[in-house]
Amino acid sequence: MKKSRTKKIWVWGVVVFAFFCFLKVWQSVHIDQMYRQNARLEQELTKLENENALLTARIEWLKREERIVAIARKRLGLVKAPKISLEVNHKK
């Protein structure tokens, strides 16, 4: 009887040990996957930040006044209106 009880305790101990070993391995694998995903996301973030910087520079170039005036002249045939000076006299 005592031998049977000792055997059950030993079997349960092995089962619990095996469960914790499995859990530890699963946790290590999961953490490794998370590190890889984090590295991939950091690379993607760097790529998107670089792309954003290029697009911001392109926007600044596209909205330059000289460029807009040149397009208005070439494509639309517009000319710059002459400046007119107005004098306002306040007579009381």
PDB file of N, CA and C in Angstrom:
ATOM      1  N   MET A   1       0.812  -1.192   0.000  1.00  0.00           N
ATOM      2  CA  MET A   1       0.000   0.000   0.000  1.00  0.00           C
ATOM      3  C   MET A   1       0.857   1.258   0.000  1.00  0.00           C
ATOM      4  N   LYS A   2       1.882   1.263   0.861  1.00  0.00           N
ATOM      5  CA  LYS A   2       2.759   2.407   0.932  1.00  0.00           C
ATOM      6  C   LYS A   2       3.543   2.576  -0.370  1.00  0.00           C
ATOM      7  N   LYS A   3       3.916   1.459  -0.985  1.00  0.00           N
ATOM      8  CA  LYS A   3       4.645   1.502  -2.235  1.00  0.00           C
ATOM      9  C   LYS A   3       3.765   2.083  -3.343  1.00  0.00           C
ATOM     10  N   SER A   4       2.486   1.756  -3.337  1.00  0.00           N
ATOM     11  CA  SER A   4       1.551   2.257  -4.328  1.00  0.00           C
ATOM     12  C   SER A   4       1.386   3.771  -4.177  1.00  0.00           C
ATOM     13  N   ARG A   5       1.304   4.235  -2.953  1.00  0.00           N
ATOM     14  CA  ARG A   5       1.143   5.671  -2.695  1.00  0.00           C
ATOM     15  C   ARG A   5       2.412   6.422  -3.117  1.00  0.00           C
ATOM     16  N   THR A   6       3.564   5.888  -2.810  1.00  0.00           N
ATOM     17  CA  THR A   6       4.827   6.498  -3.204  1.00  0.00           C
ATOM     18  C   THR A   6       4.940   6.551  -4.725  1.00  0.00           C
ATOM     19  N   LYS A   7       4.475   5.494  -5.377  1.00  0.00           N
ATOM     20  CA  LYS A   7       4.516   5.447  -6.836  1.00  0.00           C
ATOM     21  C   LYS A   7       3.616   6.520  -7.427  1.00  0.00           C
ATOM     22  N   LYS A   8       2.417   6.724  -6.848  1.00  0.00           N
ATOM     23  CA  LYS A   8       1.492   7.752  -7.330  1.00  0.00           C
ATOM     24  C   LYS A   8       2.100   9.143  -7.162  1.00  0.00           C
ATOM     25  N   ILE A   9       2.712   9.374  -6.022  1.00  0.00           N
ATOM     26  CA  ILE A   9       3.343  10.682  -5.785  1.00  0.00           C
ATOM     27  C   ILE A   9       4.469  10.897  -6.778  1.00  0.00           C
ATOM     28  N   TRP A  10       5.258   9.869  -7.018  1.00  0.00           N
ATOM     29  CA  TRP A  10       6.360   9.979  -7.966  1.00  0.00           C
ATOM     30  C   TRP A  10       5.830  10.242  -9.380  1.00  0.00           C
ATOM     31  N   VAL A  11       4.752   9.546  -9.779  1.00  0.00           N
ATOM     32  CA  VAL A  11       4.157   9.740 -11.115  1.00  0.00           C
ATOM     33  C   VAL A  11       3.620  11.155 -11.232  1.00  0.00           C
ATOM     34  N   TRP A  12       2.907  11.627 -10.206  1.00  0.00           N
ATOM     35  CA  TRP A  12       2.388  12.989 -10.251  1.00  0.00           C
ATOM     36  C   TRP A  12       3.520  14.014 -10.290  1.00  0.00           C
ATOM     37  N   GLY A  13       4.581  13.750  -9.580  1.00  0.00           N
ATOM     38  CA  GLY A  13       5.750  14.633  -9.610  1.00  0.00           C
ATOM     39  C   GLY A  13       6.355  14.712 -10.997  1.00  0.00           C
ATOM     40  N   VAL A  14       6.449  13.556 -11.658  1.00  0.00           N
ATOM     41  CA  VAL A  14       6.982  13.530 -13.025  1.00  0.00           C
ATOM     42  C   VAL A  14       6.049  14.267 -13.976  1.00  0.00           C
ATOM     43  N   VAL A  15       4.735  14.076 -13.798  1.00  0.00           N
ATOM     44  CA  VAL A  15       3.750  14.756 -14.659  1.00  0.00           C
ATOM     45  C   VAL A  15       3.854  16.273 -14.474  1.00  0.00           C
ATOM     46  N   VAL A  16       3.915  16.723 -13.242  1.00  0.00           N
ATOM     47  CA  VAL A  16       4.018  18.160 -12.967  1.00  0.00           C
ATOM     48  C   VAL A  16       5.334  18.699 -13.516  1.00  0.00           C
ATOM     49  N   PHE A  17       6.430  17.973 -13.312  1.00  0.00           N
ATOM     50  CA  PHE A  17       7.724  18.394 -13.846  1.00  0.00           C
ATOM     51  C   PHE A  17       7.680  18.488 -15.372  1.00  0.00           C
ATOM     52  N   ALA A  18       7.088  17.488 -16.008  1.00  0.00           N
ATOM     53  CA  ALA A  18       6.980  17.486 -17.473  1.00  0.00           C
ATOM     54  C   ALA A  18       6.137  18.665 -17.942  1.00  0.00           C
ATOM     55  N   PHE A  19       5.058  18.948 -17.217  1.00  0.00           N
ATOM     56  CA  PHE A  19       4.194  20.074 -17.578  1.00  0.00           C
ATOM     57  C   PHE A  19       4.976  21.387 -17.491  1.00  0.00           C
ATOM     58  N   PHE A  20       5.717  21.597 -16.424  1.00  0.00           N
ATOM     59  CA  PHE A  20       6.497  22.823 -16.281  1.00  0.00           C
ATOM     60  C   PHE A  20       7.619  22.911 -17.313  1.00  0.00           C
ATOM     61  N   CYS A  21       8.220  21.790 -17.663  1.00  0.00           N
ATOM     62  CA  CYS A  21       9.229  21.786 -18.724  1.00  0.00           C
ATOM     63  C   CYS A  21       8.601  22.195 -20.057  1.00  0.00           C
ATOM     64  N   PHE A  22       7.437  21.615 -20.368  1.00  0.00           N
ATOM     65  CA  PHE A  22       6.711  21.970 -21.592  1.00  0.00           C
ATOM     66  C   PHE A  22       6.363  23.448 -21.583  1.00  0.00           C
ATOM     67  N   LEU A  23       5.859  23.941 -20.451  1.00  0.00           N
ATOM     68  CA  LEU A  23       5.474  25.345 -20.330  1.00  0.00           C
ATOM     69  C   LEU A  23       6.678  26.262 -20.539  1.00  0.00           C
ATOM     70  N   LYS A  24       7.822  25.901 -19.980  1.00  0.00           N
ATOM     71  CA  LYS A  24       9.034  26.702 -20.125  1.00  0.00           C
ATOM     72  C   LYS A  24       9.498  26.739 -21.580  1.00  0.00           C
ATOM     73  N   VAL A  25       9.466  25.602 -22.247  1.00  0.00           N
ATOM     74  CA  VAL A  25       9.867  25.549 -23.660  1.00  0.00           C
ATOM     75  C   VAL A  25       8.899  26.371 -24.500  1.00  0.00           C
ATOM     76  N   TRP A  26       7.605  26.220 -24.257  1.00  0.00           N
ATOM     77  CA  TRP A  26       6.605  26.975 -25.012  1.00  0.00           C
ATOM     78  C   TRP A  26       6.805  28.474 -24.794  1.00  0.00           C
ATOM     79  N   GLN A  27       7.064  28.869 -23.571  1.00  0.00           N
ATOM     80  CA  GLN A  27       7.287  30.273 -23.256  1.00  0.00           C
ATOM     81  C   GLN A  27       8.534  30.797 -23.983  1.00  0.00           C
ATOM     82  N   SER A  28       9.593  30.029 -23.988  1.00  0.00           N
ATOM     83  CA  SER A  28      10.823  30.453 -24.678  1.00  0.00           C
ATOM     84  C   SER A  28      10.588  30.616 -26.172  1.00  0.00           C
ATOM     85  N   VAL A  29       9.869  29.685 -26.767  1.00  0.00           N
ATOM     86  CA  VAL A  29       9.561  29.767 -28.198  1.00  0.00           C
ATOM     87  C   VAL A  29       8.701  30.993 -28.476  1.00  0.00           C
ATOM     88  N   HIS A  30       7.706  31.221 -27.633  1.00  0.00           N
ATOM     89  CA  HIS A  30       6.821  32.365 -27.814  1.00  0.00           C
ATOM     90  C   HIS A  30       7.596  33.682 -27.685  1.00  0.00           C
ATOM     91  N   ILE A  31       8.479  33.781 -26.726  1.00  0.00           N
ATOM     92  CA  ILE A  31       9.278  34.994 -26.547  1.00  0.00           C
ATOM     93  C   ILE A  31      10.193  35.202 -27.750  1.00  0.00           C
ATOM     94  N   ASP A  32      10.773  34.130 -28.265  1.00  0.00           N
ATOM     95  CA  ASP A  32      11.622  34.227 -29.448  1.00  0.00           C
ATOM     96  C   ASP A  32      10.828  34.749 -30.647  1.00  0.00           C
ATOM     97  N   GLN A  33       9.607  34.250 -30.815  1.00  0.00           N
ATOM     98  CA  GLN A  33       8.754  34.721 -31.901  1.00  0.00           C
ATOM     99  C   GLN A  33       8.435  36.207 -31.730  1.00  0.00           C
ATOM    100  N   MET A  34       8.201  36.620 -30.499  1.00  0.00           N
ATOM    101  CA  MET A  34       7.888  38.028 -30.237  1.00  0.00           C
ATOM    102  C   MET A  34       9.111  38.910 -30.538  1.00  0.00           C
ATOM    103  N   TYR A  35      10.318  38.456 -30.199  1.00  0.00           N
ATOM    104  CA  TYR A  35      11.528  39.213 -30.532  1.00  0.00           C
ATOM    105  C   TYR A  35      11.680  39.363 -32.036  1.00  0.00           C
ATOM    106  N   ARG A  36      11.430  38.284 -32.761  1.00  0.00           N
ATOM    107  CA  ARG A  36      11.527  38.347 -34.226  1.00  0.00           C
ATOM    108  C   ARG A  36      10.488  39.308 -34.807  1.00  0.00           C
ATOM    109  N   GLN A  37       9.267  39.222 -34.300  1.00  0.00           N
ATOM    110  CA  GLN A  37       8.224  40.117 -34.777  1.00  0.00           C
ATOM    111  C   GLN A  37       8.575  41.573 -34.445  1.00  0.00           C
ATOM    112  N   ASN A  38       9.116  41.807 -33.270  1.00  0.00           N
ATOM    113  CA  ASN A  38       9.516  43.153 -32.882  1.00  0.00           C
ATOM    114  C   ASN A  38      10.599  43.689 -33.809  1.00  0.00           C
ATOM    115  N   ALA A  39      11.577  42.858 -34.140  1.00  0.00           N
ATOM    116  CA  ALA A  39      12.647  43.276 -35.052  1.00  0.00           C
ATOM    117  C   ALA A  39      12.080  43.598 -36.430  1.00  0.00           C
ATOM    118  N   ARG A  40      11.163  42.755 -36.901  1.00  0.00           N
ATOM    119  CA  ARG A  40      10.542  42.994 -38.215  1.00  0.00           C
ATOM    120  C   ARG A  40       9.748  44.299 -38.200  1.00  0.00           C
ATOM    121  N   LEU A  41       9.011  44.544 -37.125  1.00  0.00           N
ATOM    122  CA  LEU A  41       8.221  45.769 -37.035  1.00  0.00           C
ATOM    123  C   LEU A  41       9.111  47.010 -36.924  1.00  0.00           C
ATOM    124  N   GLU A  42      10.246  46.885 -36.248  1.00  0.00           N
ATOM    125  CA  GLU A  42      11.182  48.009 -36.172  1.00  0.00           C
ATOM    126  C   GLU A  42      11.758  48.332 -37.540  1.00  0.00           C
ATOM    127  N   GLN A  43      12.073  47.296 -38.328  1.00  0.00           N
ATOM    128  CA  GLN A  43      12.565  47.519 -39.692  1.00  0.00           C
ATOM    129  C   GLN A  43      11.489  48.196 -40.538  1.00  0.00           C
ATOM    130  N   GLU A  44      10.256  47.729 -40.399  1.00  0.00           N
ATOM    131  CA  GLU A  44       9.153  48.320 -41.153  1.00  0.00           C
ATOM    132  C   GLU A  44       8.941  49.769 -40.747  1.00  0.00           C
ATOM    133  N   LEU A  45       9.049  50.062 -39.447  1.00  0.00           N
ATOM    134  CA  LEU A  45       8.902  51.426 -38.959  1.00  0.00           C
ATOM    135  C   LEU A  45       9.983  52.321 -39.543  1.00  0.00           C
ATOM    136  N   THR A  46      11.222  51.859 -39.553  1.00  0.00           N
ATOM    137  CA  THR A  46      12.322  52.640 -40.126  1.00  0.00           C
ATOM    138  C   THR A  46      12.071  52.911 -41.600  1.00  0.00           C
ATOM    139  N   LYS A  47      11.618  51.888 -42.309  1.00  0.00           N
ATOM    140  CA  LYS A  47      11.323  52.043 -43.736  1.00  0.00           C
ATOM    141  C   LYS A  47      10.217  53.077 -43.947  1.00  0.00           C
ATOM    142  N   LEU A  48       9.157  53.008 -43.130  1.00  0.00           N
ATOM    143  CA  LEU A  48       8.055  53.954 -43.275  1.00  0.00           C
ATOM    144  C   LEU A  48       8.469  55.376 -42.885  1.00  0.00           C
ATOM    145  N   GLU A  49       9.335  55.506 -41.881  1.00  0.00           N
ATOM    146  CA  GLU A  49       9.823  56.839 -41.512  1.00  0.00           C
ATOM    147  C   GLU A  49      10.657  57.444 -42.643  1.00  0.00           C
ATOM    148  N   ASN A  50      11.484  56.624 -43.287  1.00  0.00           N
ATOM    149  CA  ASN A  50      12.267  57.108 -44.428  1.00  0.00           C
ATOM    150  C   ASN A  50      11.363  57.504 -45.583  1.00  0.00           C
ATOM    151  N   GLU A  51      10.372  56.686 -45.853  1.00  0.00           N
ATOM    152  CA  GLU A  51       9.422  56.986 -46.924  1.00  0.00           C
ATOM    153  C   GLU A  51       8.655  58.265 -46.612  1.00  0.00           C
ATOM    154  N   ASN A  52       8.279  58.437 -45.361  1.00  0.00           N
ATOM    155  CA  ASN A  52       7.565  59.639 -44.944  1.00  0.00           C
ATOM    156  C   ASN A  52       8.436  60.882 -45.136  1.00  0.00           C
ATOM    157  N   ALA A  53       9.711  60.782 -44.797  1.00  0.00           N
ATOM    158  CA  ALA A  53      10.623  61.917 -44.983  1.00  0.00           C
ATOM    159  C   ALA A  53      10.751  62.277 -46.459  1.00  0.00           C
ATOM    160  N   LEU A  54      10.858  61.251 -47.320  1.00  0.00           N
ATOM    161  CA  LEU A  54      10.943  61.513 -48.761  1.00  0.00           C
ATOM    162  C   LEU A  54       9.666  62.171 -49.287  1.00  0.00           C
ATOM    163  N   LEU A  55       8.529  61.674 -48.836  1.00  0.00           N
ATOM    164  CA  LEU A  55       7.255  62.243 -49.292  1.00  0.00           C
ATOM    165  C   LEU A  55       7.071  63.672 -48.783  1.00  0.00           C
ATOM    166  N   THR A  56       7.512  63.944 -47.572  1.00  0.00           N
ATOM    167  CA  THR A  56       7.428  65.302 -47.030  1.00  0.00           C
ATOM    168  C   THR A  56       8.299  66.246 -47.853  1.00  0.00           C
ATOM    169  N   ALA A  57       9.502  65.809 -48.213  1.00  0.00           N
ATOM    170  CA  ALA A  57      10.384  66.633 -49.050  1.00  0.00           C
ATOM    171  C   ALA A  57       9.757  66.865 -50.422  1.00  0.00           C
ATOM    172  N   ARG A  58       9.130  65.833 -50.963  1.00  0.00           N
ATOM    173  CA  ARG A  58       8.470  65.976 -52.277  1.00  0.00           C
ATOM    174  C   ARG A  58       7.307  66.954 -52.210  1.00  0.00           C
ATOM    175  N   ILE A  59       6.548  66.895 -51.131  1.00  0.00           N
ATOM    176  CA  ILE A  59       5.432  67.843 -50.959  1.00  0.00           C
ATOM    177  C   ILE A  59       5.964  69.272 -50.913  1.00  0.00           C
ATOM    178  N   GLU A  60       7.037  69.481 -50.151  1.00  0.00           N
ATOM    179  CA  GLU A  60       7.625  70.826 -50.058  1.00  0.00           C
ATOM    180  C   GLU A  60       8.091  71.301 -51.435  1.00  0.00           C
ATOM    181  N   TRP A  61       8.678  70.402 -52.220  1.00  0.00           N
ATOM    182  CA  TRP A  61       9.123  70.763 -53.552  1.00  0.00           C
ATOM    183  C   TRP A  61       7.936  71.081 -54.455  1.00  0.00           C
ATOM    184  N   LEU A  62       6.880  70.266 -54.360  1.00  0.00           N
ATOM    185  CA  LEU A  62       5.716  70.456 -55.232  1.00  0.00           C
ATOM    186  C   LEU A  62       4.949  71.738 -54.919  1.00  0.00           C
ATOM    187  N   LYS A  63       4.975  72.200 -53.696  1.00  0.00           N
ATOM    188  CA  LYS A  63       4.176  73.385 -53.353  1.00  0.00           C
ATOM    189  C   LYS A  63       4.983  74.685 -53.405  1.00  0.00           C
ATOM    190  N   ARG A  64       6.185  74.644 -53.970  1.00  0.00           N
ATOM    191  CA  ARG A  64       6.971  75.872 -54.135  1.00  0.00           C
ATOM    192  C   ARG A  64       6.259  76.829 -55.080  1.00  0.00           C
ATOM    193  N   GLU A  65       6.284  78.087 -54.748  1.00  0.00           N
ATOM    194  CA  GLU A  65       5.577  79.094 -55.547  1.00  0.00           C
ATOM    195  C   GLU A  65       6.154  79.195 -56.958  1.00  0.00           C
ATOM    196  N   GLU A  66       7.477  79.107 -57.082  1.00  0.00           N
ATOM    197  CA  GLU A  66       8.093  79.220 -58.411  1.00  0.00           C
ATOM    198  C   GLU A  66       7.605  78.103 -59.338  1.00  0.00           C
ATOM    199  N   ARG A  67       7.470  76.923 -58.804  1.00  0.00           N
ATOM    200  CA  ARG A  67       7.011  75.783 -59.595  1.00  0.00           C
ATOM    201  C   ARG A  67       5.562  75.973 -60.030  1.00  0.00           C
ATOM    202  N   ILE A  68       4.735  76.437 -59.099  1.00  0.00           N
ATOM    203  CA  ILE A  68       3.313  76.637 -59.411  1.00  0.00           C
ATOM    204  C   ILE A  68       3.147  77.723 -60.475  1.00  0.00           C
ATOM    205  N   VAL A  69       3.912  78.801 -60.357  1.00  0.00           N
ATOM    206  CA  VAL A  69       3.848  79.880 -61.344  1.00  0.00           C
ATOM    207  C   VAL A  69       4.305  79.367 -62.708  1.00  0.00           C
ATOM    208  N   ALA A  70       5.366  78.578 -62.751  1.00  0.00           N
ATOM    209  CA  ALA A  70       5.866  78.033 -64.026  1.00  0.00           C
ATOM    210  C   ALA A  70       4.819  77.135 -64.678  1.00  0.00           C
ATOM    211  N   ILE A  71       4.159  76.306 -63.891  1.00  0.00           N
ATOM    212  CA  ILE A  71       3.108  75.433 -64.441  1.00  0.00           C
ATOM    213  C   ILE A  71       1.936  76.266 -64.943  1.00  0.00           C
ATOM    214  N   ALA A  72       1.569  77.296 -64.202  1.00  0.00           N
ATOM    215  CA  ALA A  72       0.463  78.161 -64.621  1.00  0.00           C
ATOM    216  C   ALA A  72       0.777  78.840 -65.950  1.00  0.00           C
ATOM    217  N   ARG A  73       2.019  79.236 -66.131  1.00  0.00           N
ATOM    218  CA  ARG A  73       2.399  79.886 -67.391  1.00  0.00           C
ATOM    219  C   ARG A  73       2.443  78.886 -68.549  1.00  0.00           C
ATOM    220  N   LYS A  74       3.121  77.744 -68.331  1.00  0.00           N
ATOM    221  CA  LYS A  74       3.306  76.790 -69.422  1.00  0.00           C
ATOM    222  C   LYS A  74       2.021  76.073 -69.806  1.00  0.00           C
ATOM    223  N   ARG A  75       1.345  75.490 -68.847  1.00  0.00           N
ATOM    224  CA  ARG A  75       0.194  74.626 -69.149  1.00  0.00           C
ATOM    225  C   ARG A  75      -1.107  75.399 -69.311  1.00  0.00           C
ATOM    226  N   LEU A  76      -1.267  76.445 -68.532  1.00  0.00           N
ATOM    227  CA  LEU A  76      -2.539  77.163 -68.556  1.00  0.00           C
ATOM    228  C   LEU A  76      -2.469  78.487 -69.305  1.00  0.00           C
ATOM    229  N   GLY A  77      -1.269  78.917 -69.655  1.00  0.00           N
ATOM    230  CA  GLY A  77      -1.114  80.162 -70.402  1.00  0.00           C
ATOM    231  C   GLY A  77      -1.407  81.398 -69.564  1.00  0.00           C
ATOM    232  N   LEU A  78      -1.297  81.286 -68.267  1.00  0.00           N
ATOM    233  CA  LEU A  78      -1.571  82.424 -67.410  1.00  0.00           C
ATOM    234  C   LEU A  78      -0.341  83.316 -67.309  1.00  0.00           C
ATOM    235  N   VAL A  79      -0.574  84.587 -67.122  1.00  0.00           N
ATOM    236  CA  VAL A  79       0.516  85.539 -66.915  1.00  0.00           C
ATOM    237  C   VAL A  79       0.264  86.254 -65.604  1.00  0.00           C
ATOM    238  N   LYS A  80       1.325  86.720 -65.027  1.00  0.00           N
ATOM    239  CA  LYS A  80       1.213  87.419 -63.758  1.00  0.00           C
ATOM    240  C   LYS A  80       0.650  88.807 -64.018  1.00  0.00           C
ATOM    241  N   ALA A  81      -0.331  89.173 -63.232  1.00  0.00           N
ATOM    242  CA  ALA A  81      -0.957  90.487 -63.389  1.00  0.00           C
ATOM    243  C   ALA A  81       0.003  91.563 -62.913  1.00  0.00           C
ATOM    244  N   PRO A  82      -0.015  92.703 -63.607  1.00  0.00           N
ATOM    245  CA  PRO A  82       0.865  93.786 -63.170  1.00  0.00           C
ATOM    246  C   PRO A  82       0.388  94.335 -61.822  1.00  0.00           C
ATOM    247  N   LYS A  83       1.337  94.843 -61.078  1.00  0.00           N
ATOM    248  CA  LYS A  83       0.993  95.406 -59.775  1.00  0.00           C
ATOM    249  C   LYS A  83       0.439  96.804 -59.977  1.00  0.00           C
ATOM    250  N   ILE A  84      -0.605  97.085 -59.264  1.00  0.00           N
ATOM    251  CA  ILE A  84      -1.234  98.399 -59.339  1.00  0.00           C
ATOM    252  C   ILE A  84      -1.115  99.042 -57.964  1.00  0.00           C
ATOM    253  N   SER A  85      -0.624 100.249 -57.959  1.00  0.00           N
ATOM    254  CA  SER A  85      -0.508 100.984 -56.706  1.00  0.00           C
ATOM    255  C   SER A  85      -1.718 101.890 -56.564  1.00  0.00           C
ATOM    256  N   LEU A  86      -2.316 101.864 -55.442  1.00  0.00           N
ATOM    257  CA  LEU A  86      -3.473 102.720 -55.160  1.00  0.00           C
ATOM    258  C   LEU A  86      -3.113 103.668 -54.043  1.00  0.00           C
ATOM    259  N   GLU A  87      -3.517 104.910 -54.221  1.00  0.00           N
ATOM    260  CA  GLU A  87      -3.332 105.882 -53.172  1.00  0.00           C
ATOM    261  C   GLU A  87      -4.708 106.274 -52.660  1.00  0.00           C
ATOM    262  N   VAL A  88      -4.814 106.279 -51.380  1.00  0.00           N
ATOM    263  CA  VAL A  88      -6.087 106.655 -50.782  1.00  0.00           C
ATOM    264  C   VAL A  88      -5.872 107.965 -50.028  1.00  0.00           C
ATOM    265  N   ASN A  89      -6.640 108.926 -50.421  1.00  0.00           N
ATOM    266  CA  ASN A  89      -6.573 110.228 -49.747  1.00  0.00           C
ATOM    267  C   ASN A  89      -7.788 110.353 -48.837  1.00  0.00           C
ATOM    268  N   HIS A  90      -7.521 110.642 -47.613  1.00  0.00           N
ATOM    269  CA  HIS A  90      -8.613 110.826 -46.662  1.00  0.00           C
ATOM    270  C   HIS A  90      -8.844 112.329 -46.499  1.00  0.00           C
ATOM    271  N   LYS A  91      -9.872 112.825 -47.074  1.00  0.00           N
ATOM    272  CA  LYS A  91     -10.192 114.252 -46.952  1.00  0.00           C
ATOM    273  C   LYS A  91     -11.353 114.401 -45.997  1.00  0.00           C
ATOM    274  N   LYS A  92     -11.173 115.357 -45.102  1.00  0.00           N
ATOM    275  CA  LYS A  92     -12.260 115.631 -44.153  1.00  0.00           C
ATOM    276  C   LYS A  92     -12.817 116.992 -44.365  1.00  0.00           C
TER     277      LYS A  92
END
